[in-house]
Amino acid sequence: MKILGRWQTWAGFGVAAVLLFGLAPLVLSDFRLSLLAKFLCFAIVAVGIGLAWGRGGMLVLGQGVFFGLGGYMMGMHLKIADAQIFGNDVPDFMQIAGARELPAYWEPFASPAFTVAAIVLLPTAIAAALGFGVFKRRVKGAYFAILSQALAAALAILLVGQTSLGGSNGLNRFRTFFGFTLNDPANRRMLYFIAAGVLLLVVAVVRQLMQSRYGELLVAVRDGEERVRFLGYDPANIKVVAYTVAALFASIAGALFAPIVGFIAPSQVGILPSIAFLIGVAIGGRTTLLGPVLGAIGVAWAQTLFSERFPSEWTYAQGLLFIVVVGFFPAGLAGLGALLRRRRKPAPEPRPDPEPEAEAEKVGAAT
């Protein structure tokens, strides 16, 4: 059975690779391909949420924090690189504000290596520190969800007041990406391929975690935290790992989102984006591997399609869909197949009571 499962996994990755790297670039226009690249960034965030929430039971409502950190750090590097191309010391929006030199915390992001390292290490360190501080105190459930949501709101408010980060407008009008011109359609396709490759990589990492002993411990913590503690494991350490991995995925997704979309602003950091990430995971199926990916892409596509025609109604429809799925289909759309199979399966017929004479003969024979 393990060999069969392994072959099924490789076949699934092969089909996904053909669809993402072969079929999509062939049939989609450059605009639609860039739109799909943006959706893939959301799917990367959803994979991490599926690990933390679906497998670990942690309702993470603040993934916009780490998404924004990755996006802003990438945006700072891109703005510095653009300014250097034109021989300027500071980005264009700082020139308009009258600034003549970079703020001190901007200067390290002139280095591509430092930027990539910061995107990986800084959100990971913040998530690990926050996780240890919260989970060691046994904060969980609704209290943890409210705390993570409050962090997202606080970061969004903080960014709006930072004129050195563009204020409410954020960072925008990126022209290059590590030396490649973003206006070139070939380079934009390259960004799509990078996003698709990163998505496959994070799915493979999460699958390995789910299949490992750690994955079993994570599910055990979700279902019975006190029992895990009695067995000699510290549930806080197990939760911190999942929370940190989810934060890392969100940061990488934000770093890719900035050059793909062309801007990063507080509107991508606050409470609403964090809830939108969660809705996609819930609808797709948070306990499965591919459910969060498909749910995130599907919800993002539907939002793009319907929000333009029904801008006010779409928000209510999205909330209603989330309530219906969580309330009546906890496994999400990925669990509908199993639910239908269980309902179609005929109930076992009750076994008839044995005849009294046969029971008497069995008793006599035994004696």
Protein backbone atom coordinates (compact mmCIF):
# COMPACT_ATOMS: atom_id res chain seq x y z
CA MET A 1 0.00 0.00 0.00
CA LYS A 2 2.86 2.40 0.68
CA ILE A 3 4.24 1.84 -2.82
CA LEU A 4 0.80 2.48 -4.32
CA GLY A 5 0.42 5.64 -2.30
CA ARG A 6 3.86 6.79 -3.38
CA TRP A 7 3.02 6.23 -7.04
CA GLN A 8 -0.26 8.07 -6.61
CA THR A 9 1.60 11.00 -5.07
CA TRP A 10 4.12 11.18 -7.90
CA ALA A 11 1.30 10.90 -10.43
CA GLY A 12 -0.52 13.77 -8.74
CA PHE A 13 2.56 15.97 -8.78
CA GLY A 14 3.11 15.05 -12.41
CA VAL A 15 -0.42 16.06 -13.39
CA ALA A 16 -0.10 19.31 -11.44
CA ALA A 17 3.22 20.08 -13.12
CA VAL A 18 1.73 19.46 -16.58
CA LEU A 19 -1.22 21.72 -15.82
CA LEU A 20 0.85 24.54 -14.31
CA PHE A 21 3.91 24.46 -16.54
CA GLY A 22 2.45 23.14 -19.76
CA LEU A 23 -1.27 23.68 -20.21
CA ALA A 24 -1.78 27.02 -18.41
CA PRO A 25 0.92 28.97 -20.31
CA LEU A 26 -0.35 27.47 -23.54
CA VAL A 27 -4.03 28.39 -23.24
CA LEU A 28 -3.98 31.54 -21.08
CA SER A 29 -3.13 35.02 -22.21
CA ASP A 30 -0.36 36.99 -20.48
CA PHE A 31 -2.93 38.87 -18.40
CA ARG A 32 -4.73 35.71 -17.30
CA LEU A 33 -1.42 34.01 -16.55
CA SER A 34 -0.38 36.91 -14.29
CA LEU A 35 -3.76 36.65 -12.60
CA LEU A 36 -3.23 32.94 -12.03
CA ALA A 37 0.22 33.71 -10.61
CA LYS A 38 -1.44 35.97 -8.04
CA PHE A 39 -3.86 33.18 -7.14
CA LEU A 40 -0.93 30.78 -6.71
CA CYS A 41 0.52 33.16 -4.11
CA PHE A 42 -2.73 32.88 -2.17
CA ALA A 43 -2.54 29.10 -2.52
CA ILE A 44 0.94 29.08 -0.96
CA VAL A 45 -0.47 30.88 2.08
CA ALA A 46 -3.38 28.42 2.17
CA VAL A 47 -1.05 25.40 2.31
CA GLY A 48 0.49 26.75 5.50
CA ILE A 49 -2.92 27.50 7.00
CA GLY A 50 -4.02 23.97 6.16
CA LEU A 51 -1.09 22.63 8.16
CA ALA A 52 -1.60 24.91 11.17
CA TRP A 53 -5.41 24.94 11.26
CA GLY A 54 -6.46 21.74 9.53
CA ARG A 55 -3.87 19.47 11.10
CA GLY A 56 -2.98 21.41 14.24
CA GLY A 57 -6.29 22.99 15.17
CA MET A 58 -4.84 26.53 15.37
CA LEU A 59 -7.29 29.06 13.91
CA VAL A 60 -4.75 31.47 12.42
CA LEU A 61 -6.52 34.74 11.62
CA GLY A 62 -3.38 36.82 11.22
CA GLN A 63 -1.49 35.37 8.28
CA GLY A 64 -1.73 38.76 6.62
CA VAL A 65 1.00 39.87 9.05
CA PHE A 66 3.60 37.52 7.60
CA PHE A 67 2.28 37.96 4.07
CA GLY A 68 2.76 41.69 4.47
CA LEU A 69 6.22 41.35 5.98
CA GLY A 70 7.44 39.34 3.02
CA GLY A 71 5.77 41.67 0.55
CA TYR A 72 7.11 44.87 2.09
CA MET A 73 10.66 43.55 2.39
CA MET A 74 10.61 42.54 -1.27
CA GLY A 75 9.03 45.89 -2.19
CA MET A 76 11.76 47.81 -0.36
CA HIS A 77 14.47 46.03 -2.32
CA LEU A 78 12.67 46.58 -5.63
CA LYS A 79 12.19 50.29 -4.99
CA ILE A 80 15.88 50.72 -4.08
CA ALA A 81 16.92 48.82 -7.21
CA ASP A 82 14.66 50.97 -9.37
CA ALA A 83 16.10 54.16 -7.85
CA GLN A 84 19.67 53.01 -8.49
CA ILE A 85 18.90 52.36 -12.16
CA PHE A 86 18.00 56.03 -12.60
CA GLY A 87 20.95 57.21 -10.50
CA ASN A 88 18.86 58.28 -7.50
CA ASP A 89 19.66 57.70 -3.85
CA VAL A 90 16.06 57.30 -2.70
CA PRO A 91 12.87 55.89 -4.30
CA ASP A 92 10.52 58.16 -6.21
CA PHE A 93 7.87 58.54 -3.50
CA MET A 94 10.54 59.64 -1.01
CA GLN A 95 11.80 62.24 -3.47
CA ILE A 96 8.30 63.66 -3.73
CA ALA A 97 8.17 63.87 0.07
CA GLY A 98 11.48 65.73 0.10
CA ALA A 99 13.71 62.96 1.51
CA ARG A 100 17.34 62.97 0.36
CA GLU A 101 18.65 59.78 1.95
CA LEU A 102 17.35 56.34 2.77
CA PRO A 103 16.12 55.57 6.29
CA ALA A 104 18.57 53.40 8.21
CA TYR A 105 16.37 50.32 8.16
CA TRP A 106 16.03 50.55 4.35
CA GLU A 107 19.76 50.43 3.60
CA PRO A 108 20.36 46.66 4.14
CA PHE A 109 17.61 45.85 1.63
CA ALA A 110 19.76 47.21 -1.18
CA SER A 111 21.42 43.77 -1.11
CA PRO A 112 19.48 40.99 -2.89
CA ALA A 113 21.05 38.33 -0.65
CA PHE A 114 20.07 40.18 2.52
CA THR A 115 16.53 40.66 1.19
CA VAL A 116 16.03 36.97 0.45
CA ALA A 117 17.50 35.97 3.82
CA ALA A 118 15.29 38.48 5.64
CA ILE A 119 12.17 37.22 3.84
CA VAL A 120 12.95 33.71 5.07
CA LEU A 121 14.39 34.37 8.53
CA LEU A 122 12.63 37.43 9.96
CA PRO A 123 8.99 36.21 9.80
CA THR A 124 10.14 32.77 10.93
CA ALA A 125 11.86 34.25 13.98
CA ILE A 126 8.86 36.45 14.80
CA ALA A 127 6.45 33.52 14.48
CA ALA A 128 8.67 31.28 16.62
CA ALA A 129 8.98 33.91 19.36
CA LEU A 130 5.27 34.67 19.28
CA GLY A 131 4.40 30.97 19.21
CA PHE A 132 6.53 30.14 22.23
CA GLY A 133 5.11 33.09 24.15
CA VAL A 134 1.52 32.11 23.37
CA PHE A 135 1.54 28.32 23.33
CA LYS A 136 3.73 27.93 26.42
CA ARG A 137 1.03 29.85 28.28
CA ARG A 138 -1.53 27.40 26.83
CA VAL A 139 -3.42 30.07 24.94
CA LYS A 140 -5.60 28.33 22.36
CA GLY A 141 -8.97 28.30 20.67
CA ALA A 142 -10.83 31.57 20.29
CA TYR A 143 -8.28 33.44 22.42
CA PHE A 144 -5.46 32.57 20.03
CA ALA A 145 -7.63 33.47 17.01
CA ILE A 146 -8.47 36.89 18.46
CA LEU A 147 -4.83 37.54 19.33
CA SER A 148 -3.61 36.70 15.82
CA GLN A 149 -6.35 38.86 14.32
CA ALA A 150 -5.41 41.77 16.57
CA LEU A 151 -1.81 41.52 15.36
CA ALA A 152 -2.97 41.82 11.74
CA ALA A 153 -5.05 44.89 12.56
CA ALA A 154 -2.19 46.48 14.51
CA LEU A 155 0.30 45.97 11.67
CA ALA A 156 -2.10 47.45 9.10
CA ILE A 157 -2.63 50.54 11.28
CA LEU A 158 1.11 50.86 11.83
CA LEU A 159 1.87 50.69 8.10
CA VAL A 160 -0.70 53.35 7.26
CA GLY A 161 1.12 55.79 9.52
CA GLN A 162 4.58 55.08 8.09
CA THR A 163 5.29 57.62 5.36
CA SER A 164 8.68 55.98 4.76
CA LEU A 165 6.77 52.88 3.61
CA GLY A 166 4.33 54.73 1.40
CA GLY A 167 1.58 55.20 3.98
CA SER A 168 -1.84 53.98 2.90
CA ASN A 169 -0.64 53.73 -0.72
CA GLY A 170 2.10 51.28 0.14
CA LEU A 171 4.93 50.50 -2.25
CA ASN A 172 4.08 50.35 -5.94
CA ARG A 173 5.23 50.88 -9.53
CA PHE A 174 8.02 48.33 -9.46
CA ARG A 175 10.04 48.31 -12.68
CA THR A 176 12.56 45.50 -12.18
CA PHE A 177 12.88 42.19 -10.38
CA PHE A 178 16.50 41.27 -9.58
CA GLY A 179 17.65 42.90 -12.79
CA PHE A 180 14.78 41.70 -15.02
CA THR A 181 12.36 44.23 -16.46
CA LEU A 182 8.82 43.58 -15.24
CA ASN A 183 7.23 45.09 -18.33
CA ASP A 184 8.68 42.28 -20.44
CA PRO A 185 6.04 39.52 -20.95
CA ALA A 186 8.78 36.87 -20.86
CA ASN A 187 9.88 38.02 -17.41
CA ARG A 188 6.31 38.06 -16.16
CA ARG A 189 5.98 34.47 -17.33
CA MET A 190 9.14 33.74 -15.40
CA LEU A 191 7.47 35.07 -12.26
CA TYR A 192 4.51 32.78 -12.91
CA PHE A 193 6.81 29.77 -13.25
CA ILE A 194 8.57 30.71 -10.01
CA ALA A 195 5.23 30.93 -8.18
CA ALA A 196 4.11 27.58 -9.62
CA GLY A 197 7.39 25.91 -8.64
CA VAL A 198 7.25 27.32 -5.11
CA LEU A 199 3.66 26.08 -4.74
CA LEU A 200 4.62 22.54 -5.72
CA LEU A 201 7.58 22.69 -3.35
CA VAL A 202 5.55 23.81 -0.32
CA VAL A 203 2.90 21.16 -1.05
CA ALA A 204 5.65 18.52 -1.12
CA VAL A 205 7.07 19.82 2.18
CA VAL A 206 3.67 19.77 3.89
CA ARG A 207 2.93 16.29 2.57
CA GLN A 208 6.21 15.07 4.03
CA LEU A 209 5.34 16.65 7.37
CA MET A 210 1.89 15.08 7.34
CA GLN A 211 3.29 11.62 6.58
CA SER A 212 5.99 11.85 9.26
CA ARG A 213 5.79 11.13 12.97
CA TYR A 214 5.53 14.86 13.54
CA GLY A 215 2.32 14.93 11.50
CA GLU A 216 0.83 12.25 13.71
CA LEU A 217 1.79 14.22 16.82
CA LEU A 218 0.26 17.38 15.35
CA VAL A 219 -3.07 15.64 14.78
CA ALA A 220 -2.87 14.14 18.27
CA VAL A 221 -2.37 17.62 19.73
CA ARG A 222 -5.40 18.84 17.81
CA ASP A 223 -7.61 16.00 19.03
CA GLY A 224 -6.32 15.58 22.59
CA GLU A 225 -3.69 18.03 23.79
CA GLU A 226 -3.72 16.86 27.40
CA ARG A 227 -3.24 13.22 26.39
CA VAL A 228 -0.18 14.20 24.35
CA ARG A 229 1.21 16.04 27.36
CA PHE A 230 0.67 12.96 29.56
CA LEU A 231 2.65 10.90 27.05
CA GLY A 232 5.70 13.09 27.62
CA TYR A 233 5.50 15.47 24.65
CA ASP A 234 5.23 19.23 24.91
CA PRO A 235 2.27 20.32 22.73
CA ALA A 236 3.61 23.88 22.64
CA ASN A 237 6.74 22.83 20.74
CA ILE A 238 4.67 20.87 18.24
CA LYS A 239 2.36 23.84 17.64
CA VAL A 240 5.24 26.29 17.26
CA VAL A 241 6.72 24.28 14.39
CA ALA A 242 3.44 24.28 12.42
CA TYR A 243 2.80 27.94 13.15
CA THR A 244 6.32 28.88 12.09
CA VAL A 245 6.14 26.89 8.85
CA ALA A 246 2.81 28.56 8.02
CA ALA A 247 4.36 31.99 8.66
CA LEU A 248 7.33 31.16 6.41
CA PHE A 249 5.02 30.13 3.56
CA ALA A 250 2.99 33.33 3.96
CA SER A 251 6.14 35.48 3.86
CA ILE A 252 7.41 33.78 0.69
CA ALA A 253 3.98 34.22 -0.90
CA GLY A 254 3.97 37.91 -0.04
CA ALA A 255 7.45 38.35 -1.50
CA LEU A 256 6.25 36.83 -4.78
CA PHE A 257 2.97 38.74 -4.70
CA ALA A 258 4.68 42.16 -4.71
CA PRO A 259 6.43 41.89 -8.11
CA ILE A 260 3.63 39.83 -9.68
CA VAL A 261 0.87 42.34 -8.85
CA GLY A 262 3.10 45.40 -8.84
CA PHE A 263 2.36 46.77 -5.39
CA ILE A 264 2.04 45.92 -1.72
CA ALA A 265 -0.11 48.02 0.61
CA PRO A 266 -1.74 47.88 4.06
CA SER A 267 -4.91 46.63 2.37
CA GLN A 268 -3.12 43.30 1.77
CA VAL A 269 -2.00 43.01 5.40
CA GLY A 270 -4.98 43.62 7.67
CA ILE A 271 -7.92 41.59 8.93
CA LEU A 272 -9.86 41.20 5.69
CA PRO A 273 -7.04 39.54 3.71
CA SER A 274 -6.34 37.21 6.64
CA ILE A 275 -9.97 36.14 6.75
CA ALA A 276 -10.02 35.73 2.96
CA PHE A 277 -7.09 33.31 3.21
CA LEU A 278 -9.00 31.34 5.84
CA ILE A 279 -12.22 31.21 3.80
CA GLY A 280 -10.45 29.58 0.88
CA VAL A 281 -8.93 26.93 3.13
CA ALA A 282 -12.24 26.18 4.83
CA ILE A 283 -14.13 25.88 1.56
CA GLY A 284 -11.53 23.69 -0.08
CA GLY A 285 -11.07 21.38 2.91
CA ARG A 286 -8.63 22.27 5.65
CA THR A 287 -7.73 18.70 6.67
CA THR A 288 -6.65 17.62 3.18
CA LEU A 289 -3.47 18.34 1.26
CA LEU A 290 -4.89 19.77 -1.95
CA GLY A 291 -8.14 21.16 -0.53
CA PRO A 292 -6.56 24.45 0.67
CA VAL A 293 -4.84 24.94 -2.69
CA LEU A 294 -7.98 24.42 -4.75
CA GLY A 295 -10.12 26.39 -2.32
CA ALA A 296 -7.79 29.39 -2.30
CA ILE A 297 -7.55 29.50 -6.10
CA GLY A 298 -11.30 28.99 -6.50
CA VAL A 299 -12.28 31.70 -4.01
CA ALA A 300 -9.77 34.16 -5.48
CA TRP A 301 -11.04 33.47 -8.99
CA ALA A 302 -14.66 33.88 -7.88
CA GLN A 303 -13.82 37.12 -6.08
CA THR A 304 -12.19 38.51 -9.21
CA LEU A 305 -15.13 37.43 -11.35
CA PHE A 306 -18.06 38.46 -9.17
CA SER A 307 -16.72 41.37 -7.15
CA GLU A 308 -16.56 43.52 -10.28
CA ARG A 309 -20.22 42.82 -11.11
CA PHE A 310 -21.59 42.58 -7.58
CA PRO A 311 -19.12 44.49 -5.37
CA SER A 312 -21.36 44.80 -2.32
CA GLU A 313 -23.17 41.46 -2.59
CA TRP A 314 -19.99 39.43 -3.02
CA THR A 315 -18.78 40.14 0.52
CA TYR A 316 -22.03 38.81 2.02
CA ALA A 317 -21.99 35.80 -0.30
CA GLN A 318 -18.44 35.01 0.72
CA GLY A 319 -19.31 35.19 4.43
CA LEU A 320 -22.44 33.08 3.93
CA LEU A 321 -20.47 30.46 2.02
CA PHE A 322 -17.92 30.31 4.83
CA ILE A 323 -20.64 29.83 7.46
CA VAL A 324 -22.40 27.12 5.45
CA VAL A 325 -19.22 25.18 4.79
CA VAL A 326 -17.90 25.35 8.36
CA GLY A 327 -21.32 24.62 9.87
CA PHE A 328 -22.55 21.83 7.61
CA PHE A 329 -19.47 20.57 5.71
CA PRO A 330 -16.54 20.77 8.14
CA ALA A 331 -14.33 18.80 5.75
CA GLY A 332 -14.95 21.34 2.98
CA LEU A 333 -15.60 20.55 -0.65
CA ALA A 334 -12.81 17.98 -0.60
CA GLY A 335 -14.85 15.92 1.87
CA LEU A 336 -18.08 15.90 -0.13
CA GLY A 337 -17.08 12.75 -2.00
CA ALA A 338 -16.52 10.78 1.18
CA LEU A 339 -19.77 12.13 2.64
CA LEU A 340 -21.78 11.04 -0.40
CA ARG A 341 -20.16 7.60 -0.37
CA ARG A 342 -21.09 7.12 3.27
CA ARG A 343 -24.70 8.09 2.59
CA ARG A 344 -24.99 5.81 -0.43
CA LYS A 345 -23.50 2.84 1.39
CA PRO A 346 -26.36 0.56 2.52
CA ALA A 347 -26.71 0.04 6.22
CA PRO A 348 -25.71 -3.46 7.41
CA GLU A 349 -28.66 -5.74 8.00
CA PRO A 350 -29.16 -6.83 11.62
CA ARG A 351 -28.20 -10.40 12.31
CA PRO A 352 -31.19 -12.59 13.25
CA ASP A 353 -31.35 -14.00 16.74
CA PRO A 354 -30.35 -17.68 16.86
CA GLU A 355 -33.10 -20.24 17.33
CA PRO A 356 -33.63 -21.32 20.95
CA GLU A 357 -33.22 -25.00 20.00
CA ALA A 358 -29.88 -24.32 18.33
CA GLU A 359 -28.65 -22.40 21.35
CA ALA A 360 -29.68 -25.24 23.62
CA GLU A 361 -27.82 -27.78 21.48
CA LYS A 362 -24.65 -25.60 21.55
CA VAL A 363 -24.82 -25.33 25.34
CA GLY A 364 -25.37 -29.08 25.69
CA ALA A 365 -22.44 -29.84 23.41
CA ALA A 366 -20.19 -27.50 25.38
CA THR A 367 -21.07 -29.18 28.66
